[in-house]
Amino acid sequence: MTIQQSELGRPLVKTAVRRKTWRLKGKRTLLALLLMTIILAPFLWMVVMSLRPALDAFELTLLFTPTLDAYRALIAGNFLEPFGNSLMVSLLSTVFSLLLGVPAAWVLTRWRFRARRYVALWILVTRMAPPIAFTIPFFLAWRWLGLQDTIIGLAIVYLTFNLAIVIWLMQTFFSAVPVALEEAAWMDGCPLWRSFWLVSLPLVKPGLAATAILCFIFSWNDFFYALILTRTNAVTAPVAIVNFLQYEGWEWSKIAASGTLVMLPVVAFTLLVRRYLVHGLTAGGVKD
């Protein structure tokens, strides 16, 4: 009798555990959906606002006839040129930051010298000061060098700040690569920099993706330096959006449409490297 009761009790226990697991998963799913709604609500509202007629921009109803008038106005206007300037500046800054910062991070990780920690700290200090502290030096130097209101000049400014991010982030990823792999390549006759290119660099692809996206976002979203160091030729998209805030009135439909367009490159770039991005952002966590 006792054996039969124990055998009958096991399915009941399993069923109770499954129900508890399903309830827990359901609560987690609802919480995740709630957080996603809170986070994405401003972006979705901006997209919807860009599709509304200009006179009904602030209507709360969802029943309206979508229109692309705001986007047509941007294309007919001069917004595509600042958009292209932002894309060019961000790509140049990201590429050159990786080209200079990744080898520097590898050297700081592999080479043991007395001032190695101090060098890493000095690099980080460049990100501690507020941007306005460097505005006057950059403005005077760029005017003297003829780099003011140029794409190259603005890309160099972003390079000086993104470089610290690249070095600090990539040091973490290179530290996780065993030195024995590089030493084995050296014993097989592989030169120093060739072992870096063929052995170490492929193993830190997730870190490269995460670092590249951060550099691109920081350059793409910058408003302060673009406002100070550009006038007409190298105006970026964030600065161009401000032009829709006029004394006669604020063109909310164009502001929403331009904001939606500004989001697209970052979203597209993230989707292209999302596989490496998730692994790169979670690197360093505890693994079983």
C-alpha atoms as a PDB file:
ATOM      1  CA  MET A   1       0.000   0.000   0.000  1.00  0.00           C
ATOM      2  CA  THR A   2       2.836   2.379   0.805  1.00  0.00           C
ATOM      3  CA  ILE A   3       4.584   1.586  -2.472  1.00  0.00           C
ATOM      4  CA  GLN A   4       1.444   2.312  -4.470  1.00  0.00           C
ATOM      5  CA  GLN A   5       0.927   5.644  -2.708  1.00  0.00           C
ATOM      6  CA  SER A   6       4.524   6.680  -3.416  1.00  0.00           C
ATOM      7  CA  GLU A   7       4.194   5.694  -7.058  1.00  0.00           C
ATOM      8  CA  LEU A   8       0.990   7.680  -7.375  1.00  0.00           C
ATOM      9  CA  GLY A   9       2.522  10.676  -5.641  1.00  0.00           C
ATOM     10  CA  ARG A  10       5.411  11.023  -8.076  1.00  0.00           C
ATOM     11  CA  PRO A  11       3.288  12.162 -11.066  1.00  0.00           C
ATOM     12  CA  LEU A  12       1.520  14.633  -8.827  1.00  0.00           C
ATOM     13  CA  VAL A  13       4.847  16.099  -7.684  1.00  0.00           C
ATOM     14  CA  LYS A  14       6.107  16.303 -11.260  1.00  0.00           C
ATOM     15  CA  THR A  15       2.903  18.003 -12.361  1.00  0.00           C
ATOM     16  CA  ALA A  16       3.172  20.534  -9.545  1.00  0.00           C
ATOM     17  CA  VAL A  17       6.795  21.264 -10.455  1.00  0.00           C
ATOM     18  CA  ARG A  18       5.876  21.726 -14.113  1.00  0.00           C
ATOM     19  CA  ARG A  19       3.044  24.094 -13.242  1.00  0.00           C
ATOM     20  CA  LYS A  20       5.365  26.100 -11.012  1.00  0.00           C
ATOM     21  CA  THR A  21       7.940  26.239 -13.818  1.00  0.00           C
ATOM     22  CA  TRP A  22       5.341  27.361 -16.361  1.00  0.00           C
ATOM     23  CA  ARG A  23       4.072  30.046 -14.013  1.00  0.00           C
ATOM     24  CA  LEU A  24       7.607  31.304 -13.443  1.00  0.00           C
ATOM     25  CA  LYS A  25       8.293  31.366 -17.187  1.00  0.00           C
ATOM     26  CA  GLY A  26       4.998  33.157 -17.788  1.00  0.00           C
ATOM     27  CA  LYS A  27       5.846  35.826 -15.218  1.00  0.00           C
ATOM     28  CA  ARG A  28       9.286  36.320 -16.754  1.00  0.00           C
ATOM     29  CA  THR A  29       7.776  36.603 -20.220  1.00  0.00           C
ATOM     30  CA  LEU A  30       5.232  39.185 -19.068  1.00  0.00           C
ATOM     31  CA  LEU A  31       7.950  41.154 -17.295  1.00  0.00           C
ATOM     32  CA  ALA A  32      10.139  41.075 -20.411  1.00  0.00           C
ATOM     33  CA  LEU A  33       7.243  42.236 -22.603  1.00  0.00           C
ATOM     34  CA  LEU A  34       6.463  45.026 -20.150  1.00  0.00           C
ATOM     35  CA  LEU A  35      10.074  46.209 -20.146  1.00  0.00           C
ATOM     36  CA  MET A  36      10.243  46.036 -23.948  1.00  0.00           C
ATOM     37  CA  THR A  37       7.054  48.082 -24.198  1.00  0.00           C
ATOM     38  CA  ILE A  38       8.413  50.737 -21.853  1.00  0.00           C
ATOM     39  CA  ILE A  39      11.741  50.910 -23.684  1.00  0.00           C
ATOM     40  CA  LEU A  40      10.354  50.836 -27.232  1.00  0.00           C
ATOM     41  CA  ALA A  41       7.320  53.059 -26.621  1.00  0.00           C
ATOM     42  CA  PRO A  42       9.142  56.374 -27.308  1.00  0.00           C
ATOM     43  CA  PHE A  43      10.647  55.017 -30.533  1.00  0.00           C
ATOM     44  CA  LEU A  44       7.356  53.577 -31.744  1.00  0.00           C
ATOM     45  CA  TRP A  45       5.597  56.832 -30.889  1.00  0.00           C
ATOM     46  CA  MET A  46       8.194  58.740 -32.928  1.00  0.00           C
ATOM     47  CA  VAL A  47       7.722  56.434 -35.931  1.00  0.00           C
ATOM     48  CA  VAL A  48       3.930  56.788 -35.732  1.00  0.00           C
ATOM     49  CA  MET A  49       4.272  60.549 -35.357  1.00  0.00           C
ATOM     50  CA  SER A  50       6.408  60.723 -38.510  1.00  0.00           C
ATOM     51  CA  LEU A  51       3.625  59.009 -40.478  1.00  0.00           C
ATOM     52  CA  ARG A  52       0.874  61.327 -39.275  1.00  0.00           C
ATOM     53  CA  PRO A  53      -0.220  64.452 -41.154  1.00  0.00           C
ATOM     54  CA  ALA A  54       1.568  67.549 -39.878  1.00  0.00           C
ATOM     55  CA  LEU A  55      -1.619  69.036 -38.403  1.00  0.00           C
ATOM     56  CA  ASP A  56      -2.458  65.839 -36.490  1.00  0.00           C
ATOM     57  CA  ALA A  57       1.015  65.129 -35.087  1.00  0.00           C
ATOM     58  CA  PHE A  58      -0.118  65.119 -31.459  1.00  0.00           C
ATOM     59  CA  GLU A  59      -3.409  63.287 -31.893  1.00  0.00           C
ATOM     60  CA  LEU A  60      -3.722  60.309 -29.520  1.00  0.00           C
ATOM     61  CA  THR A  61      -5.912  58.196 -31.764  1.00  0.00           C
ATOM     62  CA  LEU A  62      -4.362  55.346 -33.718  1.00  0.00           C
ATOM     63  CA  LEU A  63      -6.903  55.639 -36.520  1.00  0.00           C
ATOM     64  CA  PHE A  64      -5.314  57.841 -39.151  1.00  0.00           C
ATOM     65  CA  THR A  65      -4.231  57.690 -42.765  1.00  0.00           C
ATOM     66  CA  PRO A  66      -0.434  57.222 -42.929  1.00  0.00           C
ATOM     67  CA  THR A  67       1.441  59.668 -45.109  1.00  0.00           C
ATOM     68  CA  LEU A  68       5.053  59.992 -46.227  1.00  0.00           C
ATOM     69  CA  ASP A  69       4.906  63.747 -46.657  1.00  0.00           C
ATOM     70  CA  ALA A  70       7.481  64.341 -43.889  1.00  0.00           C
ATOM     71  CA  TYR A  71       9.960  61.936 -45.507  1.00  0.00           C
ATOM     72  CA  ARG A  72       9.383  63.458 -48.936  1.00  0.00           C
ATOM     73  CA  ALA A  73      10.037  66.888 -47.459  1.00  0.00           C
ATOM     74  CA  LEU A  74      13.335  65.652 -46.006  1.00  0.00           C
ATOM     75  CA  ILE A  75      14.414  64.126 -49.304  1.00  0.00           C
ATOM     76  CA  ALA A  76      13.388  67.227 -51.238  1.00  0.00           C
ATOM     77  CA  GLY A  77      15.176  69.383 -48.699  1.00  0.00           C
ATOM     78  CA  ASN A  78      18.804  69.253 -47.671  1.00  0.00           C
ATOM     79  CA  PHE A  79      18.658  66.554 -44.992  1.00  0.00           C
ATOM     80  CA  LEU A  80      20.290  63.781 -47.011  1.00  0.00           C
ATOM     81  CA  GLU A  81      23.593  65.678 -47.137  1.00  0.00           C
ATOM     82  CA  PRO A  82      23.958  65.946 -43.321  1.00  0.00           C
ATOM     83  CA  PHE A  83      22.824  62.319 -43.092  1.00  0.00           C
ATOM     84  CA  GLY A  84      25.627  61.295 -45.450  1.00  0.00           C
ATOM     85  CA  ASN A  85      28.112  63.416 -43.493  1.00  0.00           C
ATOM     86  CA  SER A  86      27.156  61.637 -40.264  1.00  0.00           C
ATOM     87  CA  LEU A  87      27.521  58.258 -41.924  1.00  0.00           C
ATOM     88  CA  MET A  88      30.925  59.123 -43.376  1.00  0.00           C
ATOM     89  CA  VAL A  89      32.275  60.620 -40.145  1.00  0.00           C
ATOM     90  CA  SER A  90      31.048  57.712 -38.012  1.00  0.00           C
ATOM     91  CA  LEU A  91      32.468  55.070 -40.340  1.00  0.00           C
ATOM     92  CA  LEU A  92      35.844  56.805 -40.626  1.00  0.00           C
ATOM     93  CA  SER A  93      36.087  57.285 -36.883  1.00  0.00           C
ATOM     94  CA  THR A  94      35.100  53.674 -36.164  1.00  0.00           C
ATOM     95  CA  VAL A  95      37.455  52.145 -38.729  1.00  0.00           C
ATOM     96  CA  PHE A  96      40.506  54.178 -37.719  1.00  0.00           C
ATOM     97  CA  SER A  97      39.755  53.707 -34.016  1.00  0.00           C
ATOM     98  CA  LEU A  98      39.820  49.953 -34.537  1.00  0.00           C
ATOM     99  CA  LEU A  99      42.922  50.067 -36.725  1.00  0.00           C
ATOM    100  CA  LEU A 100      44.876  51.990 -34.093  1.00  0.00           C
ATOM    101  CA  GLY A 101      43.235  50.822 -30.877  1.00  0.00           C
ATOM    102  CA  VAL A 102      43.130  47.043 -31.415  1.00  0.00           C
ATOM    103  CA  PRO A 103      46.917  46.619 -31.955  1.00  0.00           C
ATOM    104  CA  ALA A 104      47.560  49.015 -29.056  1.00  0.00           C
ATOM    105  CA  ALA A 105      45.318  46.947 -26.771  1.00  0.00           C
ATOM    106  CA  TRP A 106      47.107  43.759 -27.832  1.00  0.00           C
ATOM    107  CA  VAL A 107      50.506  45.280 -27.098  1.00  0.00           C
ATOM    108  CA  LEU A 108      49.401  46.514 -23.667  1.00  0.00           C
ATOM    109  CA  THR A 109      48.042  43.051 -22.896  1.00  0.00           C
ATOM    110  CA  ARG A 110      51.011  40.984 -24.056  1.00  0.00           C
ATOM    111  CA  TRP A 111      54.021  43.179 -23.314  1.00  0.00           C
ATOM    112  CA  ARG A 112      55.124  43.408 -19.684  1.00  0.00           C
ATOM    113  CA  PHE A 113      56.810  46.697 -18.847  1.00  0.00           C
ATOM    114  CA  ARG A 114      56.898  48.790 -15.715  1.00  0.00           C
ATOM    115  CA  ALA A 115      54.596  51.643 -16.793  1.00  0.00           C
ATOM    116  CA  ARG A 116      51.981  49.418 -18.460  1.00  0.00           C
ATOM    117  CA  ARG A 117      49.271  50.082 -15.864  1.00  0.00           C
ATOM    118  CA  TYR A 118      49.957  53.810 -15.839  1.00  0.00           C
ATOM    119  CA  VAL A 119      49.683  53.989 -19.623  1.00  0.00           C
ATOM    120  CA  ALA A 120      46.282  52.300 -19.492  1.00  0.00           C
ATOM    121  CA  LEU A 121      45.174  54.748 -16.796  1.00  0.00           C
ATOM    122  CA  TRP A 122      46.350  57.764 -18.808  1.00  0.00           C
ATOM    123  CA  ILE A 123      44.363  56.498 -21.783  1.00  0.00           C
ATOM    124  CA  LEU A 124      41.229  56.223 -19.651  1.00  0.00           C
ATOM    125  CA  VAL A 125      41.710  59.768 -18.318  1.00  0.00           C
ATOM    126  CA  THR A 126      40.963  61.146 -21.785  1.00  0.00           C
ATOM    127  CA  ARG A 127      37.350  59.977 -21.335  1.00  0.00           C
ATOM    128  CA  MET A 128      36.931  61.454 -17.857  1.00  0.00           C
ATOM    129  CA  ALA A 129      37.023  65.146 -18.783  1.00  0.00           C
ATOM    130  CA  PRO A 130      33.790  66.759 -20.053  1.00  0.00           C
ATOM    131  CA  PRO A 131      33.686  67.449 -23.801  1.00  0.00           C
ATOM    132  CA  ILE A 132      33.518  71.198 -23.303  1.00  0.00           C
ATOM    133  CA  ALA A 133      37.013  71.123 -21.754  1.00  0.00           C
ATOM    134  CA  PHE A 134      38.511  70.289 -25.165  1.00  0.00           C
ATOM    135  CA  THR A 135      36.284  72.520 -27.267  1.00  0.00           C
ATOM    136  CA  ILE A 136      38.469  75.654 -27.382  1.00  0.00           C
ATOM    137  CA  PRO A 137      41.748  73.762 -28.068  1.00  0.00           C
ATOM    138  CA  PHE A 138      40.128  71.776 -30.868  1.00  0.00           C
ATOM    139  CA  PHE A 139      38.435  74.860 -32.306  1.00  0.00           C
ATOM    140  CA  LEU A 140      41.666  76.928 -32.402  1.00  0.00           C
ATOM    141  CA  ALA A 141      43.823  74.065 -33.650  1.00  0.00           C
ATOM    142  CA  TRP A 142      41.387  73.010 -36.359  1.00  0.00           C
ATOM    143  CA  ARG A 143      40.977  76.599 -37.573  1.00  0.00           C
ATOM    144  CA  TRP A 144      44.759  76.976 -37.822  1.00  0.00           C
ATOM    145  CA  LEU A 145      45.155  73.604 -39.592  1.00  0.00           C
ATOM    146  CA  GLY A 146      42.233  74.205 -41.959  1.00  0.00           C
ATOM    147  CA  LEU A 147      40.292  71.228 -40.623  1.00  0.00           C
ATOM    148  CA  GLN A 148      37.317  73.213 -39.352  1.00  0.00           C
ATOM    149  CA  ASP A 149      34.026  72.324 -41.044  1.00  0.00           C
ATOM    150  CA  THR A 150      35.529  69.214 -42.661  1.00  0.00           C
ATOM    151  CA  ILE A 151      34.597  65.562 -42.396  1.00  0.00           C
ATOM    152  CA  ILE A 152      38.210  64.547 -41.768  1.00  0.00           C
ATOM    153  CA  GLY A 153      38.571  67.062 -38.951  1.00  0.00           C
ATOM    154  CA  LEU A 154      35.410  65.868 -37.214  1.00  0.00           C
ATOM    155  CA  ALA A 155      36.409  62.211 -37.651  1.00  0.00           C
ATOM    156  CA  ILE A 156      39.773  62.921 -35.995  1.00  0.00           C
ATOM    157  CA  VAL A 157      38.005  64.496 -33.013  1.00  0.00           C
ATOM    158  CA  TYR A 158      35.839  61.398 -32.563  1.00  0.00           C
ATOM    159  CA  LEU A 159      38.912  59.213 -33.066  1.00  0.00           C
ATOM    160  CA  THR A 160      40.666  60.764 -30.077  1.00  0.00           C
ATOM    161  CA  PHE A 161      37.783  59.761 -27.796  1.00  0.00           C
ATOM    162  CA  ASN A 162      36.850  56.414 -29.323  1.00  0.00           C
ATOM    163  CA  LEU A 163      40.447  55.266 -29.145  1.00  0.00           C
ATOM    164  CA  ALA A 164      40.321  55.055 -25.355  1.00  0.00           C
ATOM    165  CA  ILE A 165      37.141  52.949 -25.527  1.00  0.00           C
ATOM    166  CA  VAL A 166      38.681  50.554 -28.034  1.00  0.00           C
ATOM    167  CA  ILE A 167      41.867  50.054 -26.029  1.00  0.00           C
ATOM    168  CA  TRP A 168      40.134  49.472 -22.728  1.00  0.00           C
ATOM    169  CA  LEU A 169      37.497  47.101 -24.094  1.00  0.00           C
ATOM    170  CA  MET A 170      39.831  45.095 -26.297  1.00  0.00           C
ATOM    171  CA  GLN A 171      42.340  44.612 -23.487  1.00  0.00           C
ATOM    172  CA  THR A 172      39.708  42.530 -21.712  1.00  0.00           C
ATOM    173  CA  PHE A 173      39.142  40.309 -24.728  1.00  0.00           C
ATOM    174  CA  PHE A 174      42.837  39.822 -25.508  1.00  0.00           C
ATOM    175  CA  SER A 175      43.474  38.884 -21.871  1.00  0.00           C
ATOM    176  CA  ALA A 176      41.065  35.963 -22.321  1.00  0.00           C
ATOM    177  CA  VAL A 177      43.099  34.581 -25.250  1.00  0.00           C
ATOM    178  CA  PRO A 178      45.749  32.094 -24.026  1.00  0.00           C
ATOM    179  CA  VAL A 179      49.295  33.247 -24.702  1.00  0.00           C
ATOM    180  CA  ALA A 180      50.228  29.632 -25.444  1.00  0.00           C
ATOM    181  CA  LEU A 181      48.396  29.834 -28.771  1.00  0.00           C
ATOM    182  CA  GLU A 182      50.574  32.711 -29.932  1.00  0.00           C
ATOM    183  CA  GLU A 183      53.722  31.046 -28.609  1.00  0.00           C
ATOM    184  CA  ALA A 184      52.875  27.902 -30.565  1.00  0.00           C
ATOM    185  CA  ALA A 185      52.532  30.007 -33.711  1.00  0.00           C
ATOM    186  CA  TRP A 186      55.916  31.627 -33.038  1.00  0.00           C
ATOM    187  CA  MET A 187      57.552  28.212 -32.641  1.00  0.00           C
ATOM    188  CA  ASP A 188      56.108  27.221 -36.008  1.00  0.00           C
ATOM    189  CA  GLY A 189      57.864  30.203 -37.592  1.00  0.00           C
ATOM    190  CA  CYS A 190      54.941  32.626 -37.657  1.00  0.00           C
ATOM    191  CA  PRO A 191      56.108  36.263 -37.326  1.00  0.00           C
ATOM    192  CA  LEU A 192      54.906  38.405 -34.438  1.00  0.00           C
ATOM    193  CA  TRP A 193      52.292  40.525 -36.213  1.00  0.00           C
ATOM    194  CA  ARG A 194      51.198  37.629 -38.371  1.00  0.00           C
ATOM    195  CA  SER A 195      50.357  35.635 -35.248  1.00  0.00           C
ATOM    196  CA  PHE A 196      48.351  38.608 -34.035  1.00  0.00           C
ATOM    197  CA  TRP A 197      46.432  38.725 -37.310  1.00  0.00           C
ATOM    198  CA  LEU A 198      45.880  34.971 -37.753  1.00  0.00           C
ATOM    199  CA  VAL A 199      45.664  33.693 -34.171  1.00  0.00           C
ATOM    200  CA  SER A 200      44.580  36.376 -31.687  1.00  0.00           C
ATOM    201  CA  LEU A 201      42.354  38.577 -33.838  1.00  0.00           C
ATOM    202  CA  PRO A 202      39.936  35.840 -35.027  1.00  0.00           C
ATOM    203  CA  LEU A 203      39.362  34.794 -31.410  1.00  0.00           C
ATOM    204  CA  VAL A 204      38.173  38.267 -30.378  1.00  0.00           C
ATOM    205  CA  LYS A 205      35.613  38.830 -33.142  1.00  0.00           C
ATOM    206  CA  PRO A 206      32.748  39.252 -30.640  1.00  0.00           C
ATOM    207  CA  GLY A 207      34.744  41.954 -28.868  1.00  0.00           C
ATOM    208  CA  LEU A 208      35.453  43.699 -32.164  1.00  0.00           C
ATOM    209  CA  ALA A 209      31.738  43.741 -33.003  1.00  0.00           C
ATOM    210  CA  ALA A 210      30.703  45.131 -29.628  1.00  0.00           C
ATOM    211  CA  THR A 211      33.473  47.745 -29.661  1.00  0.00           C
ATOM    212  CA  ALA A 212      32.724  48.806 -33.235  1.00  0.00           C
ATOM    213  CA  ILE A 213      29.041  49.353 -32.457  1.00  0.00           C
ATOM    214  CA  LEU A 214      29.848  51.454 -29.392  1.00  0.00           C
ATOM    215  CA  CYS A 215      32.293  53.608 -31.360  1.00  0.00           C
ATOM    216  CA  PHE A 216      29.800  54.035 -34.176  1.00  0.00           C
ATOM    217  CA  ILE A 217      26.996  55.020 -31.782  1.00  0.00           C
ATOM    218  CA  PHE A 218      29.146  57.533 -29.900  1.00  0.00           C
ATOM    219  CA  SER A 219      30.207  59.166 -33.172  1.00  0.00           C
ATOM    220  CA  TRP A 220      26.761  59.012 -34.759  1.00  0.00           C
ATOM    221  CA  ASN A 221      24.922  60.549 -31.814  1.00  0.00           C
ATOM    222  CA  ASP A 222      27.395  63.343 -31.067  1.00  0.00           C
ATOM    223  CA  PHE A 223      25.882  66.791 -31.186  1.00  0.00           C
ATOM    224  CA  PHE A 224      28.233  69.045 -29.234  1.00  0.00           C
ATOM    225  CA  TYR A 225      31.413  68.830 -31.318  1.00  0.00           C
ATOM    226  CA  ALA A 226      29.478  68.734 -34.572  1.00  0.00           C
ATOM    227  CA  LEU A 227      27.733  71.952 -33.568  1.00  0.00           C
ATOM    228  CA  ILE A 228      30.963  73.754 -32.614  1.00  0.00           C
ATOM    229  CA  LEU A 229      33.341  72.516 -35.325  1.00  0.00           C
ATOM    230  CA  THR A 230      31.040  72.558 -38.374  1.00  0.00           C
ATOM    231  CA  ARG A 231      29.231  75.299 -40.265  1.00  0.00           C
ATOM    232  CA  THR A 232      27.885  74.238 -43.673  1.00  0.00           C
ATOM    233  CA  ASN A 233      30.054  71.632 -45.421  1.00  0.00           C
ATOM    234  CA  ALA A 234      30.298  68.990 -42.669  1.00  0.00           C
ATOM    235  CA  VAL A 235      27.042  69.496 -40.772  1.00  0.00           C
ATOM    236  CA  THR A 236      25.825  66.179 -39.345  1.00  0.00           C
ATOM    237  CA  ALA A 237      22.298  64.833 -38.945  1.00  0.00           C
ATOM    238  CA  PRO A 238      21.858  65.669 -35.214  1.00  0.00           C
ATOM    239  CA  VAL A 239      22.775  69.303 -35.934  1.00  0.00           C
ATOM    240  CA  ALA A 240      20.492  69.409 -38.983  1.00  0.00           C
ATOM    241  CA  ILE A 241      17.518  68.258 -36.896  1.00  0.00           C
ATOM    242  CA  VAL A 242      17.852  71.385 -34.769  1.00  0.00           C
ATOM    243  CA  ASN A 243      17.110  73.472 -37.861  1.00  0.00           C
ATOM    244  CA  PHE A 244      13.514  72.259 -37.700  1.00  0.00           C
ATOM    245  CA  LEU A 245      13.116  74.127 -34.387  1.00  0.00           C
ATOM    246  CA  GLN A 246      12.308  77.575 -35.719  1.00  0.00           C
ATOM    247  CA  TYR A 247      10.841  80.756 -34.305  1.00  0.00           C
ATOM    248  CA  GLU A 248       7.751  80.380 -36.460  1.00  0.00           C
ATOM    249  CA  GLY A 249       7.091  76.933 -35.013  1.00  0.00           C
ATOM    250  CA  TRP A 250       8.530  73.492 -34.557  1.00  0.00           C
ATOM    251  CA  GLU A 251       8.076  71.099 -37.469  1.00  0.00           C
ATOM    252  CA  TRP A 252       7.273  68.019 -35.426  1.00  0.00           C
ATOM    253  CA  SER A 253       6.565  65.728 -38.356  1.00  0.00           C
ATOM    254  CA  LYS A 254       9.971  66.445 -39.880  1.00  0.00           C
ATOM    255  CA  ILE A 255      11.654  66.087 -36.495  1.00  0.00           C
ATOM    256  CA  ALA A 256      10.058  62.671 -36.011  1.00  0.00           C
ATOM    257  CA  ALA A 257      10.859  61.577 -39.573  1.00  0.00           C
ATOM    258  CA  SER A 258      14.499  62.684 -39.320  1.00  0.00           C
ATOM    259  CA  GLY A 259      14.804  60.983 -35.921  1.00  0.00           C
ATOM    260  CA  THR A 260      13.489  57.771 -37.436  1.00  0.00           C
ATOM    261  CA  LEU A 261      16.001  57.972 -40.273  1.00  0.00           C
ATOM    262  CA  VAL A 262      18.825  58.627 -37.829  1.00  0.00           C
ATOM    263  CA  MET A 263      17.975  55.411 -35.975  1.00  0.00           C
ATOM    264  CA  LEU A 264      18.114  53.214 -39.076  1.00  0.00           C
ATOM    265  CA  PRO A 265      21.925  52.922 -39.579  1.00  0.00           C
ATOM    266  CA  VAL A 266      22.527  51.991 -35.951  1.00  0.00           C
ATOM    267  CA  VAL A 267      19.741  49.395 -36.035  1.00  0.00           C
ATOM    268  CA  ALA A 268      20.990  47.960 -39.343  1.00  0.00           C
ATOM    269  CA  PHE A 269      24.598  47.842 -38.113  1.00  0.00           C
ATOM    270  CA  THR A 270      23.510  46.103 -34.908  1.00  0.00           C
ATOM    271  CA  LEU A 271      21.442  43.507 -36.771  1.00  0.00           C
ATOM    272  CA  LEU A 272      24.365  42.670 -39.055  1.00  0.00           C
ATOM    273  CA  VAL A 273      26.671  41.783 -36.178  1.00  0.00           C
ATOM    274  CA  ARG A 274      24.100  40.794 -33.553  1.00  0.00           C
ATOM    275  CA  ARG A 275      25.537  37.266 -33.287  1.00  0.00           C
ATOM    276  CA  TYR A 276      28.920  38.606 -32.250  1.00  0.00           C
ATOM    277  CA  LEU A 277      27.438  41.493 -30.286  1.00  0.00           C
ATOM    278  CA  VAL A 278      25.572  39.314 -27.765  1.00  0.00           C
ATOM    279  CA  HIS A 279      28.649  37.199 -27.120  1.00  0.00           C
ATOM    280  CA  GLY A 280      30.878  40.252 -26.913  1.00  0.00           C
ATOM    281  CA  LEU A 281      28.724  42.167 -24.433  1.00  0.00           C
ATOM    282  CA  THR A 282      28.395  39.104 -22.173  1.00  0.00           C
ATOM    283  CA  ALA A 283      32.077  38.162 -22.287  1.00  0.00           C
ATOM    284  CA  GLY A 284      33.723  38.041 -18.932  1.00  0.00           C
ATOM    285  CA  GLY A 285      30.666  36.623 -17.174  1.00  0.00           C
ATOM    286  CA  VAL A 286      30.733  33.460 -15.075  1.00  0.00           C
ATOM    287  CA  LYS A 287      30.487  30.345 -17.211  1.00  0.00           C
ATOM    288  CA  ASP A 288      29.871  26.756 -16.135  1.00  0.00           C
END
